Amino acid sequence: TCVGLLGCSPSQPCIAIKLECLELYHQIQHHQSSFSLQAMMKVLCALQNVSSQLSAAFDTYLNILRCVHTLLKQAPGRDGPMWKLCGACPACAFEV
């Protein structure tokens, strides 16, 4: 097993991309939304000869991030529709 790598195919991956690379693209796109996946692929192809499998790996990476975020909200009970009201002081608008 390779730690820190995400395979581009669920059954028999022949290419794996580092999670650091996916996080790098995620942060670049978050701060510069015009930076496309195609631009990132051109950079990776120039550096590592990675093919167009980046799109599938990035989609999987975003799904993993969503699942982790959901679990982090569920653990302290912050996933219900009324959680903000339960941890707030209406008089001073202080939130816990």
Protein backbone atom coordinates (compact mmCIF):
# COMPACT_ATOMS: atom_id res chain seq x y z
CA THR A 1 0.00 0.00 0.00
CA CYS A 2 1.07 3.54 -0.69
CA VAL A 3 0.22 6.08 1.97
CA GLY A 4 -0.68 9.56 0.78
CA LEU A 5 -1.70 8.49 -2.72
CA LEU A 6 -5.15 8.36 -4.30
CA GLY A 7 -5.70 5.94 -7.15
CA CYS A 8 -7.46 7.17 -10.26
CA SER A 9 -9.48 3.98 -10.61
CA PRO A 10 -11.39 2.21 -7.82
CA SER A 11 -10.70 -1.36 -8.94
CA GLN A 12 -7.22 -1.55 -10.46
CA PRO A 13 -5.49 1.82 -10.40
CA CYS A 14 -2.44 2.09 -12.60
CA ILE A 15 -1.91 5.76 -11.75
CA ALA A 16 -2.01 7.34 -8.30
CA ILE A 17 -1.80 11.02 -7.44
CA LYS A 18 -0.37 12.43 -4.23
CA LEU A 19 -2.92 13.90 -1.85
CA GLU A 20 -0.60 16.90 -1.51
CA CYS A 21 -0.97 17.56 -5.24
CA LEU A 22 -4.76 17.38 -5.00
CA GLU A 23 -4.76 19.71 -1.99
CA LEU A 24 -2.48 22.10 -3.89
CA TYR A 25 -4.95 22.26 -6.78
CA HIS A 26 -7.86 22.63 -4.35
CA GLN A 27 -6.20 25.62 -2.66
CA ILE A 28 -5.17 27.22 -5.96
CA GLN A 29 -8.70 26.90 -7.31
CA HIS A 30 -10.16 28.20 -4.04
CA HIS A 31 -8.06 31.36 -4.25
CA GLN A 32 -8.00 31.72 -8.05
CA SER A 33 -11.19 30.22 -9.47
CA SER A 34 -10.10 30.84 -13.06
CA PHE A 35 -7.24 28.31 -12.67
CA SER A 36 -8.65 25.31 -14.51
CA LEU A 37 -8.14 21.60 -14.14
CA GLN A 38 -6.67 21.59 -17.64
CA ALA A 39 -4.03 24.12 -16.56
CA MET A 40 -3.15 21.93 -13.58
CA MET A 41 -2.92 18.89 -15.85
CA LYS A 42 -0.52 20.73 -18.16
CA VAL A 43 1.68 21.56 -15.18
CA LEU A 44 1.61 17.96 -13.94
CA CYS A 45 2.27 16.58 -17.41
CA ALA A 46 5.28 18.83 -17.68
CA LEU A 47 6.56 17.69 -14.30
CA GLN A 48 5.51 14.06 -13.97
CA ASN A 49 3.83 12.96 -17.20
CA VAL A 50 0.44 12.51 -15.51
CA SER A 51 -2.45 11.92 -17.88
CA SER A 52 -6.04 13.13 -17.83
CA GLN A 53 -6.87 10.86 -14.87
CA LEU A 54 -6.46 13.87 -12.57
CA SER A 55 -10.13 14.79 -12.98
CA ALA A 56 -11.38 11.48 -11.55
CA ALA A 57 -8.89 11.61 -8.69
CA PHE A 58 -9.82 15.20 -7.86
CA ASP A 59 -13.54 14.35 -7.81
CA THR A 60 -12.81 11.49 -5.42
CA TYR A 61 -10.66 13.79 -3.29
CA LEU A 62 -13.49 16.34 -3.04
CA ASN A 63 -15.91 13.56 -2.03
CA ILE A 64 -13.49 12.49 0.71
CA LEU A 65 -13.25 16.09 1.95
CA ARG A 66 -17.07 16.37 2.03
CA CYS A 67 -17.37 13.13 4.02
CA VAL A 68 -14.73 14.23 6.51
CA HIS A 69 -16.39 17.64 6.89
CA THR A 70 -19.77 15.96 7.50
CA LEU A 71 -18.27 13.64 10.12
CA LEU A 72 -16.58 16.59 11.84
CA LYS A 73 -19.93 18.40 12.03
CA GLN A 74 -21.73 15.29 13.34
CA ALA A 75 -19.24 14.51 16.12
CA PRO A 76 -20.04 17.56 18.29
CA GLY A 77 -23.70 17.55 17.21
CA ARG A 78 -23.46 20.43 14.74
CA ASP A 79 -25.34 18.76 11.93
CA GLY A 80 -28.95 19.40 12.95
CA PRO A 81 -31.05 22.31 11.73
CA MET A 82 -31.23 23.85 15.23
CA TRP A 83 -27.60 23.48 16.36
CA LYS A 84 -26.83 27.20 16.04
CA LEU A 85 -29.75 28.08 18.29
CA CYS A 86 -28.66 25.58 20.93
CA GLY A 87 -25.20 27.14 21.25
CA ALA A 88 -26.11 30.82 21.06
CA CYS A 89 -27.05 33.50 23.58
CA PRO A 90 -29.93 35.53 22.11
CA ALA A 91 -29.32 38.47 24.43
CA CYS A 92 -25.72 39.15 23.42
CA ALA A 93 -25.50 37.19 20.12
CA PHE A 94 -22.52 35.22 21.51
CA GLU A 95 -22.00 31.87 19.83
CA VAL A 96 -20.35 28.93 21.52
